[in-house]
Amino acid sequence: MNLHQKPRLNLLQGVVLALSLVAVRSQANVYATNIRVNDDITNVVASGATTITITYVLNEPASLGTTIEFLAGNTIVRSVSLPAGGSGTVRGFNVVSWDTGASPIPNGTYSLAVIPKSAGYINWTQITSDTADANTYVNDGRGIAIDRNPTSRYYGRVFVSNATAGPNPNLPNDMLGILKFNADTGSAEEGISSAGLDGYNWLDGGVSPWKLQVSANDRVYVDDLAQGGQVLSWDPTLSSNSMVAVLRADNQSASQALSGPAVVGGGTNTQLWMANTNHPEILKWQLGGNASCVTNDLGAVVVSSSVATNFYDVALDPAGNIYTCSYVLTAGDPSPRVFRYHAPTAGGPVETTADWAVGAGNDTYAGASGIAVDSSGTYVAVSFEGTIDLGFGTNGNTKILWATNGALVTNLDLGVPMQNDLNHDDTACAWDAVGNVYYIDNYFSAWRAVSPPGTNQATTIALSSIQVVNSQTSTPIQIAHIAVSNGTVNLDFSAGPADSISSFTIQGAATVNGTYSLISATIVQLSPGLFRATFPTSGTAHFYRIRR
């Protein structure tokens, strides 16, 4: 871990002069990602007695155990409980085997849910380690984002921008570009660094790449502040053939240095929001069909402030309210630092009056560099680099605020010694889908994940389904009633509640021990688990059986 004190760059001046989701969120900080069935995300067929392997990653230990459920629609067909401390409940990679012969379920197609549970913590608690988790090292982290799309194979992936090449050219975390990690800090499947793979020439200098966000459709949007705030996007693997130039030079005026991005909506309603670090204003672009700004579209000013000196980042909550922060470094500066503006109305005037503004004259709000709102719109996280006047990293921290009024919930880092040093230089923050907050402390060259307090659990549905055929089901077939009328046999039988009419065939023979052959029968479901088969009589004594 690189714990040296790094030279501070006055980013606001350096860039400008040198380069001229509302319901109360449930506490749910432990969750499963990277779920695979038989090492794949495609549908799996389980025929007869076989063993199915289920693997997944937990971002932290399931201290109250994990439950795996097999679901037919919303009906739980089978539930498996795994006790804490054993396989299926540990932080990181887990493997669980299911023997369909020893623990059968009826024929049918099922979804798979993984539900880890945790006793949680009394206070907001760091769940990553700067030293034990080697992958949390980043030489110069300037942006962080999490994939919050539960229907994506990349759900829970952490993206970090490294804006200055580090001393070890062979270490991925020192390479210039975007770094990719699993929710437990493990390496992304295709590797950590985008260097040499993303097809883009980052310019280094602590500003290229800059901040980033993952959209609802898994696109990774990255700001290049060295180019005045141009924005590129990639798929979650950051492959060069997926790159799109989203906001280009033709979408900027010469006086702008744009920071962000915030990306909301989807499809033809996707919007890109940016903060102008040269002027206290927020701009919005409506992206076109190719998910990029229309040629020569300079965007629309949505927010303009007369009390802030600049805006440095932007985030939106599910209701469309706008959150932004001002990069103020001077100790004792009386101007506010963090703002919320009401969601603008279509075609309405520019928002000029904040719903609330906090941090005026408070040095623990100095150097506000990154802002993010959780998926429920309950909390706002803001990262502060600290003051210059009082020394490098002094007062640097990440704050959690209430979204409704900007009141302080808690401080992260502030006044808490890390590695026996009180200095912190927090540059960016983000939330995952279940309420954990992530931030970068550049003083320690580390990104961190912090869990909110409280007992919790979260459910993740696997992308692959499991089709069970030829199952030795534990629910026996019972003949309930048989009647013959007008040359027709009505045979009522019971089976499992998840069985369907396609699960059964009717067979007949002239003797009990004779050769049974298929009979053409019409089968209907009378109620869950109760069926009726109708077919013609043979005209003589006959024996019947039902085959699943």
Protein backbone atom coordinates (compact mmCIF):
# COMPACT_ATOMS: atom_id res chain seq x y z
CA MET A 1 0.00 0.00 0.00
CA ASN A 2 1.33 3.40 -0.98
CA LEU A 3 0.95 5.61 2.09
CA HIS A 4 3.19 8.46 1.06
CA GLN A 5 1.98 12.05 1.11
CA LYS A 6 1.28 13.01 -2.49
CA PRO A 7 1.60 16.57 -3.81
CA ARG A 8 -1.75 18.35 -3.90
CA LEU A 9 -3.02 19.78 -7.17
CA ASN A 10 -5.38 22.73 -6.97
CA LEU A 11 -7.67 21.10 -9.51
CA LEU A 12 -10.00 24.01 -10.04
CA GLN A 13 -7.17 26.38 -10.93
CA GLY A 14 -4.95 23.72 -12.47
CA VAL A 15 -7.55 22.55 -14.98
CA VAL A 16 -8.99 25.93 -15.85
CA LEU A 17 -5.72 27.83 -16.27
CA ALA A 18 -3.44 25.14 -17.56
CA LEU A 19 -5.92 23.63 -19.97
CA SER A 20 -7.53 27.29 -20.80
CA LEU A 21 -33.59 6.92 -7.23
CA VAL A 22 -38.57 8.09 -2.95
CA ALA A 23 -39.04 5.33 -0.52
CA VAL A 24 -37.21 4.75 2.73
CA ARG A 25 -34.28 2.47 1.95
CA SER A 26 -34.07 -0.78 3.87
CA GLN A 27 -30.65 -1.44 5.37
CA ALA A 28 -29.21 -4.15 3.14
CA ASN A 29 -25.44 -4.04 2.99
CA VAL A 30 -24.52 -7.72 2.45
CA TYR A 31 -25.45 -9.03 -0.98
CA ALA A 32 -24.58 -11.64 -3.60
CA THR A 33 -23.16 -10.85 -7.03
CA ASN A 34 -21.58 -12.85 -9.86
CA ILE A 35 -24.08 -15.72 -9.41
CA ARG A 36 -23.32 -18.64 -11.71
CA VAL A 37 -25.07 -21.99 -12.12
CA ASN A 38 -22.68 -24.65 -13.39
CA ASP A 39 -20.22 -21.80 -14.03
CA ASP A 40 -22.55 -20.04 -16.47
CA ILE A 41 -25.37 -17.49 -16.61
CA THR A 42 -27.39 -19.34 -19.27
CA ASN A 43 -30.31 -21.61 -18.45
CA VAL A 44 -29.37 -25.00 -17.01
CA VAL A 45 -31.17 -28.34 -17.51
CA ALA A 46 -31.05 -30.75 -14.56
CA SER A 47 -32.07 -34.25 -15.70
CA GLY A 48 -32.58 -37.01 -13.17
CA ALA A 49 -30.18 -37.28 -10.24
CA THR A 50 -27.33 -34.87 -10.83
CA THR A 51 -25.28 -32.25 -9.00
CA ILE A 52 -25.75 -28.56 -9.71
CA THR A 53 -22.97 -26.16 -8.68
CA ILE A 54 -23.99 -22.67 -7.57
CA THR A 55 -21.28 -20.05 -7.14
CA TYR A 56 -21.46 -16.40 -6.11
CA VAL A 57 -19.50 -13.58 -4.48
CA LEU A 58 -20.46 -11.94 -1.18
CA ASN A 59 -19.22 -8.42 -0.54
CA GLU A 60 -18.91 -9.21 3.18
CA PRO A 61 -19.64 -12.21 5.45
CA ALA A 62 -23.25 -13.30 5.93
CA SER A 63 -22.97 -13.33 9.72
CA LEU A 64 -26.56 -14.63 10.08
CA GLY A 65 -26.23 -17.22 7.32
CA THR A 66 -27.44 -17.46 3.72
CA THR A 67 -30.67 -18.84 2.28
CA ILE A 68 -30.93 -20.23 -1.25
CA GLU A 69 -34.44 -20.46 -2.67
CA PHE A 70 -35.80 -22.25 -5.73
CA LEU A 71 -38.83 -20.33 -6.99
CA ALA A 72 -41.69 -21.23 -9.32
CA GLY A 73 -42.88 -17.72 -10.05
CA ASN A 74 -43.27 -16.24 -6.57
CA THR A 75 -43.75 -19.65 -4.91
CA ILE A 76 -40.84 -21.02 -2.90
CA VAL A 77 -40.53 -24.69 -3.91
CA ARG A 78 -37.44 -25.45 -1.88
CA SER A 79 -35.37 -23.43 0.56
CA VAL A 80 -31.84 -24.30 1.71
CA SER A 81 -30.35 -22.63 4.80
CA LEU A 82 -26.58 -22.32 5.13
CA PRO A 83 -25.24 -21.52 8.63
CA ALA A 84 -22.84 -18.63 9.17
CA GLY A 85 -19.15 -19.39 8.95
CA GLY A 86 -19.50 -22.19 6.43
CA SER A 87 -19.58 -22.51 2.67
CA GLY A 88 -22.02 -20.10 1.10
CA THR A 89 -21.69 -17.43 3.81
CA VAL A 90 -18.10 -16.17 3.63
CA ARG A 91 -16.86 -12.95 2.10
CA GLY A 92 -15.65 -13.46 -1.44
CA PHE A 93 -16.14 -16.54 -3.62
CA ASN A 94 -18.64 -19.18 -2.44
CA VAL A 95 -19.48 -22.62 -3.84
CA VAL A 96 -22.70 -24.48 -2.99
CA SER A 97 -23.58 -27.91 -4.45
CA TRP A 98 -27.14 -29.19 -4.88
CA ASP A 99 -27.70 -32.92 -5.32
CA THR A 100 -30.99 -33.17 -7.21
CA GLY A 101 -31.26 -36.87 -6.36
CA ALA A 102 -30.84 -36.46 -2.60
CA SER A 103 -32.88 -33.24 -2.47
CA PRO A 104 -35.29 -33.36 -5.41
CA ILE A 105 -37.88 -30.86 -6.57
CA PRO A 106 -40.67 -31.49 -9.09
CA ASN A 107 -40.17 -31.11 -12.81
CA GLY A 108 -40.43 -27.52 -13.95
CA THR A 109 -38.45 -24.34 -14.56
CA TYR A 110 -37.24 -22.42 -11.53
CA SER A 111 -35.46 -19.19 -10.72
CA LEU A 112 -32.75 -19.13 -8.08
CA ALA A 113 -32.49 -16.54 -5.29
CA VAL A 114 -29.47 -16.03 -3.02
CA ILE A 115 -30.29 -14.23 0.24
CA PRO A 116 -27.35 -13.52 2.58
CA LYS A 117 -28.14 -12.03 5.99
CA SER A 118 -26.02 -10.01 8.39
CA ALA A 119 -26.26 -8.78 11.98
CA GLY A 120 -24.71 -5.58 10.66
CA TYR A 121 -23.00 -2.92 12.75
CA ILE A 122 -23.93 -0.32 15.34
CA ASN A 123 -22.33 2.52 13.35
CA TRP A 124 -21.29 3.16 9.75
CA THR A 125 -18.41 0.72 9.41
CA GLN A 126 -15.65 0.24 6.84
CA ILE A 127 -15.94 -3.26 5.36
CA THR A 128 -12.82 -3.15 3.18
CA SER A 129 -9.23 -3.02 4.38
CA ASP A 130 -6.59 -0.64 3.03
CA THR A 131 -3.91 -3.23 3.76
CA ALA A 132 -5.48 -6.71 3.64
CA ASP A 133 -7.42 -5.97 0.43
CA ALA A 134 -4.56 -5.26 -1.96
CA ASN A 135 -6.91 -4.32 -4.79
CA THR A 136 -8.22 -1.27 -2.94
CA TYR A 137 -4.95 0.48 -3.82
CA VAL A 138 -5.22 3.11 -6.56
CA ASN A 139 -2.36 5.50 -7.25
CA ASP A 140 -4.50 8.59 -7.95
CA GLY A 141 -8.20 7.85 -7.67
CA ARG A 142 -10.49 10.60 -8.98
CA GLY A 143 -13.76 8.78 -9.67
CA ILE A 144 -15.66 5.74 -8.42
CA ALA A 145 -18.92 4.13 -9.57
CA ILE A 146 -20.87 0.90 -8.96
CA ASP A 147 -23.05 -1.10 -11.36
CA ARG A 148 -26.49 -1.03 -9.66
CA ASN A 149 -28.37 -3.03 -12.31
CA PRO A 150 -29.51 -6.36 -10.76
CA THR A 151 -30.34 -7.81 -14.19
CA SER A 152 -26.74 -7.40 -15.36
CA ARG A 153 -24.00 -10.02 -15.19
CA TYR A 154 -21.81 -7.13 -13.96
CA TYR A 155 -24.09 -6.24 -11.03
CA GLY A 156 -21.99 -4.95 -8.13
CA ARG A 157 -18.88 -4.26 -10.22
CA VAL A 158 -16.77 -1.37 -8.90
CA PHE A 159 -15.13 1.05 -11.36
CA VAL A 160 -12.32 3.41 -10.27
CA SER A 161 -10.54 5.99 -12.40
CA ASN A 162 -6.77 6.20 -11.92
CA ALA A 163 -5.76 9.63 -13.21
CA THR A 164 -1.99 9.45 -12.69
CA ALA A 165 0.27 6.55 -13.64
CA GLY A 166 1.94 5.05 -10.57
CA PRO A 167 5.52 3.96 -9.94
CA ASN A 168 5.05 0.30 -10.94
CA PRO A 169 4.20 0.03 -14.66
CA ASN A 170 3.40 -3.68 -14.28
CA LEU A 171 0.88 -3.23 -11.46
CA PRO A 172 -2.67 -2.81 -12.85
CA ASN A 173 -3.62 -0.42 -10.03
CA ASP A 174 -0.76 1.89 -11.11
CA MET A 175 -1.80 1.94 -14.76
CA LEU A 176 -3.48 4.99 -16.22
CA GLY A 177 -7.14 4.30 -17.00
CA ILE A 178 -10.19 2.65 -15.45
CA LEU A 179 -9.86 -0.12 -12.85
CA LYS A 180 -12.51 -2.85 -12.41
CA PHE A 181 -13.24 -4.92 -9.30
CA ASN A 182 -15.84 -7.30 -7.93
CA ALA A 183 -17.92 -6.31 -4.92
CA ASP A 184 -15.51 -8.12 -2.57
CA THR A 185 -12.55 -6.10 -4.06
CA GLY A 186 -11.49 -9.10 -6.18
CA SER A 187 -10.25 -8.62 -9.74
CA ALA A 188 -12.78 -8.38 -12.55
CA GLU A 189 -12.99 -11.57 -14.60
CA GLU A 190 -11.26 -10.06 -17.66
CA GLY A 191 -8.65 -8.19 -15.61
CA ILE A 192 -8.34 -5.01 -13.55
CA SER A 193 -7.02 -2.24 -15.77
CA SER A 194 -8.44 -0.85 -19.02
CA ALA A 195 -4.96 0.29 -20.05
CA GLY A 196 -4.28 -0.67 -23.68
CA LEU A 197 -7.76 -2.16 -24.04
CA ASP A 198 -10.20 0.77 -23.97
CA GLY A 199 -8.86 2.35 -27.18
CA TYR A 200 -8.53 5.83 -25.66
CA ASN A 201 -5.50 8.02 -24.99
CA TRP A 202 -5.80 9.30 -21.43
CA LEU A 203 -3.65 12.35 -20.72
CA ASP A 204 -2.68 11.70 -17.08
CA GLY A 205 -1.99 14.76 -14.88
CA GLY A 206 -4.57 13.89 -12.22
CA VAL A 207 -7.52 14.83 -14.44
CA SER A 208 -7.67 12.24 -17.24
CA PRO A 209 -9.62 10.04 -16.58
CA TRP A 210 -11.77 12.01 -14.14
CA LYS A 211 -15.17 11.06 -12.67
CA LEU A 212 -17.43 8.29 -13.94
CA GLN A 213 -20.88 6.72 -13.58
CA VAL A 214 -22.60 3.50 -14.64
CA SER A 215 -25.98 4.01 -16.30
CA ALA A 216 -29.08 1.86 -15.79
CA ASN A 217 -28.24 -0.06 -18.99
CA ASP A 218 -24.65 -0.87 -17.87
CA ARG A 219 -22.82 1.75 -19.93
CA VAL A 220 -19.79 3.22 -18.13
CA TYR A 221 -19.62 7.00 -18.71
CA VAL A 222 -16.23 8.62 -18.05
CA ASP A 223 -15.30 12.32 -17.94
CA ASP A 224 -11.98 13.47 -19.47
CA LEU A 225 -11.41 16.78 -17.70
CA ALA A 226 -8.15 17.30 -19.59
CA GLN A 227 -10.31 17.78 -22.70
CA GLY A 228 -12.54 20.29 -20.95
CA GLY A 229 -14.95 17.62 -19.77
CA GLN A 230 -15.58 15.48 -22.83
CA VAL A 231 -17.44 12.26 -21.99
CA LEU A 232 -16.87 8.75 -23.37
CA SER A 233 -18.82 5.57 -22.66
CA TRP A 234 -18.00 1.86 -22.80
CA ASP A 235 -19.62 -1.45 -21.99
CA PRO A 236 -18.72 -2.87 -18.52
CA THR A 237 -15.63 -4.65 -19.89
CA LEU A 238 -14.30 -1.32 -21.26
CA SER A 239 -13.46 -2.93 -24.58
CA SER A 240 -12.33 -0.55 -27.33
CA ASN A 241 -15.00 -1.69 -29.81
CA SER A 242 -17.73 -0.55 -27.40
CA MET A 243 -16.44 3.03 -27.04
CA VAL A 244 -18.84 5.90 -27.88
CA ALA A 245 -17.93 9.59 -27.90
CA VAL A 246 -20.89 10.94 -25.91
CA LEU A 247 -20.07 14.61 -25.26
CA ARG A 248 -17.52 16.03 -27.68
CA ALA A 249 -15.80 19.35 -28.39
CA ASP A 250 -18.77 20.45 -30.54
CA ASN A 251 -20.97 20.15 -27.44
CA GLN A 252 -18.88 22.55 -25.34
CA SER A 253 -18.21 26.24 -25.24
CA ALA A 254 -14.61 27.42 -24.92
CA SER A 255 -15.15 28.70 -21.37
CA GLN A 256 -16.34 25.41 -19.92
CA ALA A 257 -14.55 22.76 -17.88
CA LEU A 258 -17.25 20.17 -17.29
CA SER A 259 -17.23 17.74 -14.38
CA GLY A 260 -19.54 14.79 -13.81
CA PRO A 261 -21.22 12.93 -15.32
CA ALA A 262 -24.67 12.08 -13.98
CA VAL A 263 -26.66 9.83 -16.33
CA VAL A 264 -30.38 9.21 -15.79
CA GLY A 265 -33.17 7.58 -17.73
CA GLY A 266 -32.80 5.07 -20.52
CA GLY A 267 -33.28 4.52 -24.23
CA THR A 268 -34.31 7.66 -26.10
CA ASN A 269 -34.98 9.36 -22.75
CA THR A 270 -31.38 9.13 -21.51
CA GLN A 271 -30.08 12.41 -20.09
CA LEU A 272 -26.52 13.53 -19.39
CA TRP A 273 -25.92 16.10 -16.63
CA MET A 274 -22.65 17.97 -16.03
CA ALA A 275 -21.33 20.63 -13.65
CA ASN A 276 -19.37 23.60 -14.99
CA THR A 277 -16.30 24.09 -12.78
CA ASN A 278 -15.68 27.53 -14.36
CA HIS A 279 -19.10 28.83 -13.44
CA PRO A 280 -21.73 27.74 -10.88
CA GLU A 281 -24.13 26.10 -13.30
CA ILE A 282 -25.51 22.64 -14.11
CA LEU A 283 -26.19 21.67 -17.73
CA LYS A 284 -28.28 18.88 -19.24
CA TRP A 285 -28.15 17.10 -22.61
CA GLN A 286 -30.81 14.82 -24.07
CA LEU A 287 -28.87 11.98 -25.67
CA GLY A 288 -29.80 10.85 -29.16
CA GLY A 289 -30.52 7.39 -30.50
CA ASN A 290 -26.84 6.38 -30.45
CA ALA A 291 -26.57 7.44 -26.77
CA SER A 292 -24.51 10.54 -27.56
CA CYS A 293 -25.13 14.28 -27.66
CA VAL A 294 -26.59 15.63 -30.88
CA THR A 295 -23.99 17.41 -33.03
CA ASN A 296 -23.42 21.03 -31.90
CA ASP A 297 -25.89 20.69 -29.01
CA LEU A 298 -24.44 22.86 -26.23
CA GLY A 299 -26.90 21.56 -23.66
CA ALA A 300 -29.41 23.47 -21.54
CA VAL A 301 -28.53 25.34 -18.36
CA VAL A 302 -30.79 23.90 -15.66
CA VAL A 303 -29.24 25.41 -12.49
CA SER A 304 -27.39 28.69 -12.00
CA SER A 305 -26.22 30.05 -8.64
CA SER A 306 -25.35 33.53 -7.45
CA VAL A 307 -23.97 32.37 -4.09
CA ALA A 308 -21.55 29.62 -5.20
CA THR A 309 -18.19 30.23 -6.87
CA ASN A 310 -18.27 27.00 -8.90
CA PHE A 311 -19.93 23.60 -9.13
CA TYR A 312 -17.74 20.51 -9.10
CA ASP A 313 -19.95 17.44 -9.44
CA VAL A 314 -23.64 16.60 -9.89
CA ALA A 315 -26.05 13.82 -8.87
CA LEU A 316 -29.80 13.26 -9.15
CA ASP A 317 -32.18 11.32 -6.92
CA PRO A 318 -35.09 9.18 -8.21
CA ALA A 319 -37.45 12.18 -7.99
CA GLY A 320 -35.17 14.29 -10.19
CA ASN A 321 -33.87 16.60 -7.45
CA ILE A 322 -30.38 17.92 -8.23
CA TYR A 323 -27.42 17.75 -5.83
CA THR A 324 -24.14 19.56 -6.40
CA CYS A 325 -21.09 20.80 -4.49
CA SER A 326 -18.67 23.71 -4.63
CA TYR A 327 -14.90 23.27 -4.52
CA VAL A 328 -13.86 25.81 -1.86
CA LEU A 329 -10.34 25.41 -0.43
CA THR A 330 -9.77 28.56 1.65
CA ALA A 331 -10.14 28.12 5.41
CA GLY A 332 -13.08 30.04 6.84
CA ASP A 333 -14.65 30.84 3.46
CA PRO A 334 -18.25 31.96 4.20
CA SER A 335 -19.84 30.54 1.03
CA PRO A 336 -21.96 27.33 1.19
CA ARG A 337 -20.46 24.12 -0.20
CA VAL A 338 -23.27 21.57 -0.79
CA PHE A 339 -26.62 22.29 -2.48
CA ARG A 340 -29.88 20.68 -3.45
CA TYR A 341 -32.13 22.13 -6.16
CA HIS A 342 -35.71 21.15 -6.89
CA ALA A 343 -36.37 18.93 -9.90
CA PRO A 344 -36.88 21.31 -12.84
CA THR A 345 -40.14 21.36 -14.76
CA ALA A 346 -40.09 20.71 -18.50
CA GLY A 347 -39.73 24.02 -20.30
CA GLY A 348 -39.58 25.82 -16.94
CA PRO A 349 -37.13 28.51 -15.82
CA VAL A 350 -33.55 27.88 -14.70
CA GLU A 351 -33.37 26.90 -11.03
CA THR A 352 -31.61 29.65 -9.10
CA THR A 353 -32.70 29.11 -5.49
CA ALA A 354 -31.53 26.01 -3.64
CA ASP A 355 -33.89 23.91 -1.52
CA TRP A 356 -31.03 23.88 0.95
CA ALA A 357 -27.35 24.88 1.05
CA VAL A 358 -24.97 23.77 3.81
CA GLY A 359 -21.33 24.04 4.88
CA ALA A 360 -20.86 27.83 4.86
CA GLY A 361 -17.74 28.79 6.83
CA ASN A 362 -17.17 25.18 7.91
CA ASP A 363 -13.67 23.95 7.06
CA THR A 364 -14.77 20.30 7.28
CA TYR A 365 -16.72 21.04 4.08
CA ALA A 366 -13.61 22.33 2.25
CA GLY A 367 -12.60 21.05 -1.17
CA ALA A 368 -15.91 19.35 -2.02
CA SER A 369 -14.91 17.15 -4.95
CA GLY A 370 -17.56 14.42 -5.38
CA ILE A 371 -21.24 13.93 -4.64
CA ALA A 372 -23.61 10.94 -4.91
CA VAL A 373 -27.15 10.11 -3.78
CA ASP A 374 -28.27 6.61 -2.79
CA SER A 375 -30.79 4.72 -4.92
CA SER A 376 -33.72 5.54 -2.63
CA GLY A 377 -32.99 9.25 -2.36
CA THR A 378 -32.50 9.01 1.42
CA TYR A 379 -28.81 9.87 1.79
CA VAL A 380 -26.32 12.12 0.03
CA ALA A 381 -22.59 11.37 0.23
CA VAL A 382 -20.08 14.19 -0.34
CA SER A 383 -16.29 13.78 -0.49
CA PHE A 384 -14.05 16.65 0.66
CA GLU A 385 -10.35 17.06 -0.02
CA GLY A 386 -9.85 19.48 2.88
CA THR A 387 -8.23 22.91 3.17
CA ILE A 388 -4.99 24.19 1.70
CA ASP A 389 -4.50 26.97 4.27
CA LEU A 390 -4.36 24.56 7.20
CA GLY A 391 -2.12 21.97 5.53
CA PHE A 392 -2.38 19.08 3.10
CA GLY A 393 -5.38 16.86 3.74
CA THR A 394 -6.49 18.78 6.82
CA ASN A 395 -10.24 18.33 7.37
CA GLY A 396 -10.52 15.93 4.42
CA ASN A 397 -13.42 13.50 4.87
CA THR A 398 -16.59 12.05 3.36
CA LYS A 399 -19.91 13.11 4.86
CA ILE A 400 -23.29 11.40 4.79
CA LEU A 401 -26.14 13.95 4.74
CA TRP A 402 -29.92 13.63 4.80
CA ALA A 403 -31.23 14.29 1.32
CA THR A 404 -34.32 16.10 2.60
CA ASN A 405 -32.52 18.95 4.38
CA GLY A 406 -28.73 18.48 4.14
CA ALA A 407 -28.38 17.78 7.86
CA LEU A 408 -25.36 15.74 8.88
CA VAL A 409 -25.83 12.00 9.42
CA THR A 410 -22.19 11.08 9.99
CA ASN A 411 -18.59 11.89 9.07
CA LEU A 412 -16.32 9.25 7.59
CA ASP A 413 -12.56 9.71 8.21
CA LEU A 414 -12.88 13.06 9.97
CA GLY A 415 -10.85 12.98 13.17
CA VAL A 416 -10.43 9.21 12.93
CA PRO A 417 -6.80 8.08 12.68
CA MET A 418 -6.01 5.82 9.76
CA GLN A 419 -2.50 4.35 9.72
CA ASN A 420 -1.73 6.71 12.67
CA ASP A 421 -2.37 9.80 10.55
CA LEU A 422 -5.31 12.20 10.78
CA ASN A 423 -4.93 13.57 7.24
CA HIS A 424 -7.40 12.53 4.53
CA ASP A 425 -7.93 13.62 0.94
CA ASP A 426 -11.32 12.29 -0.17
CA THR A 427 -11.95 12.85 -3.88
CA ALA A 428 -15.02 10.86 -4.99
CA CYS A 429 -17.94 8.78 -3.69
CA ALA A 430 -20.69 6.43 -4.89
CA TRP A 431 -23.43 4.10 -3.64
CA ASP A 432 -24.19 0.52 -4.57
CA ALA A 433 -27.71 -0.85 -5.04
CA VAL A 434 -28.14 -2.04 -1.44
CA GLY A 435 -27.01 1.02 0.51
CA ASN A 436 -23.24 0.71 0.97
CA VAL A 437 -21.25 3.87 0.32
CA TYR A 438 -17.87 3.84 -1.46
CA TYR A 439 -15.29 6.62 -1.49
CA ILE A 440 -11.68 7.34 -2.41
CA ASP A 441 -9.13 8.63 0.12
CA ASN A 442 -6.31 9.81 -2.10
CA TYR A 443 -4.04 10.54 0.85
CA PHE A 444 -3.86 6.79 1.43
CA SER A 445 -4.20 5.86 -2.25
CA ALA A 446 -7.20 3.68 -1.42
CA TRP A 447 -10.86 3.22 -2.24
CA ARG A 448 -13.14 2.03 0.57
CA ALA A 449 -16.59 0.55 1.13
CA VAL A 450 -18.62 1.43 4.21
CA SER A 451 -21.70 -0.38 5.51
CA PRO A 452 -24.63 1.47 7.10
CA PRO A 453 -25.77 0.34 10.58
CA GLY A 454 -28.43 -2.26 11.24
CA THR A 455 -29.37 -5.92 10.73
CA ASN A 456 -29.95 -6.56 7.06
CA GLN A 457 -30.39 -8.91 4.13
CA ALA A 458 -30.63 -8.57 0.35
CA THR A 459 -32.00 -10.85 -2.36
CA THR A 460 -30.25 -11.37 -5.69
CA ILE A 461 -31.96 -13.41 -8.42
CA ALA A 462 -29.63 -15.42 -10.65
CA LEU A 463 -29.70 -14.59 -14.36
CA SER A 464 -29.93 -18.27 -15.27
CA SER A 465 -32.96 -20.46 -14.61
CA ILE A 466 -32.91 -24.16 -13.79
CA GLN A 467 -35.12 -26.56 -15.74
CA VAL A 468 -35.69 -29.79 -13.83
CA VAL A 469 -36.68 -32.86 -15.90
CA ASN A 470 -37.03 -36.54 -14.90
CA SER A 471 -36.94 -35.52 -11.26
CA GLN A 472 -37.33 -38.09 -8.51
CA THR A 473 -39.67 -35.70 -6.73
CA SER A 474 -40.25 -35.94 -3.01
CA THR A 475 -43.99 -35.31 -3.54
CA PRO A 476 -45.56 -38.69 -4.46
CA ILE A 477 -48.38 -39.10 -6.97
CA GLN A 478 -51.58 -40.35 -5.34
CA ILE A 479 -54.67 -41.55 -7.22
CA ALA A 480 -57.60 -39.80 -5.55
CA HIS A 481 -60.60 -41.09 -7.57
CA ILE A 482 -61.40 -43.11 -10.68
CA ALA A 483 -64.76 -43.33 -12.42
CA VAL A 484 -66.08 -44.72 -15.71
CA SER A 485 -69.05 -43.14 -17.46
CA ASN A 486 -70.31 -43.51 -21.02
CA GLY A 487 -67.10 -45.15 -22.19
CA THR A 488 -64.85 -42.48 -20.63
CA VAL A 489 -62.44 -42.85 -17.72
CA ASN A 490 -61.97 -39.90 -15.35
CA LEU A 491 -58.89 -40.39 -13.19
CA ASP A 492 -58.18 -37.78 -10.48
CA PHE A 493 -54.74 -37.67 -8.88
CA SER A 494 -52.63 -35.42 -6.67
CA ALA A 495 -48.97 -34.41 -7.03
CA GLY A 496 -46.73 -31.50 -6.10
CA PRO A 497 -48.01 -27.87 -6.10
CA ALA A 498 -45.34 -26.93 -8.62
CA ASP A 499 -46.21 -29.74 -11.04
CA SER A 500 -47.91 -28.87 -14.32
CA ILE A 501 -50.05 -30.91 -16.73
CA SER A 502 -47.05 -31.35 -19.01
CA SER A 503 -45.29 -33.21 -16.19
CA PHE A 504 -47.43 -36.37 -16.58
CA THR A 505 -48.38 -39.16 -18.99
CA ILE A 506 -50.97 -41.93 -18.56
CA GLN A 507 -50.00 -45.54 -19.28
CA GLY A 508 -52.14 -48.68 -19.40
CA ALA A 509 -51.83 -52.48 -19.49
CA ALA A 510 -54.18 -55.47 -19.62
CA THR A 511 -52.55 -57.07 -16.54
CA VAL A 512 -50.96 -55.62 -13.43
CA ASN A 513 -47.52 -56.85 -14.35
CA GLY A 514 -47.98 -56.46 -18.06
CA THR A 515 -46.30 -54.11 -20.48
CA TYR A 516 -47.60 -50.58 -20.01
CA SER A 517 -47.97 -48.37 -23.05
CA LEU A 518 -48.83 -44.72 -23.52
CA ILE A 519 -52.52 -43.83 -23.59
CA SER A 520 -53.81 -40.74 -25.36
CA ALA A 521 -55.31 -38.74 -22.50
CA THR A 522 -56.40 -35.18 -21.83
CA ILE A 523 -55.01 -33.88 -18.54
CA VAL A 524 -56.32 -30.74 -16.82
CA GLN A 525 -55.31 -29.06 -13.56
CA LEU A 526 -58.22 -28.77 -11.12
CA SER A 527 -56.20 -26.82 -8.55
CA PRO A 528 -52.52 -26.56 -7.50
CA GLY A 529 -51.34 -30.15 -7.05
CA LEU A 530 -54.67 -31.73 -8.19
CA PHE A 531 -55.19 -33.07 -11.73
CA ARG A 532 -57.73 -35.01 -13.83
CA ALA A 533 -56.90 -37.31 -16.73
CA THR A 534 -59.71 -38.19 -19.18
CA PHE A 535 -59.42 -40.97 -21.79
CA PRO A 536 -61.58 -43.70 -23.46
CA THR A 537 -62.10 -47.09 -21.80
CA SER A 538 -60.51 -50.14 -23.39
CA GLY A 539 -63.72 -52.17 -23.24
CA THR A 540 -62.11 -54.80 -20.98
CA ALA A 541 -60.53 -54.81 -17.55
CA HIS A 542 -57.51 -52.56 -17.59
CA PHE A 543 -54.83 -51.25 -15.25
CA TYR A 544 -53.48 -47.70 -15.29
CA ARG A 545 -50.53 -45.83 -13.92
CA ILE A 546 -49.43 -42.20 -13.94
CA ARG A 547 -45.86 -41.46 -14.91
CA ARG A 548 -44.08 -38.22 -14.02
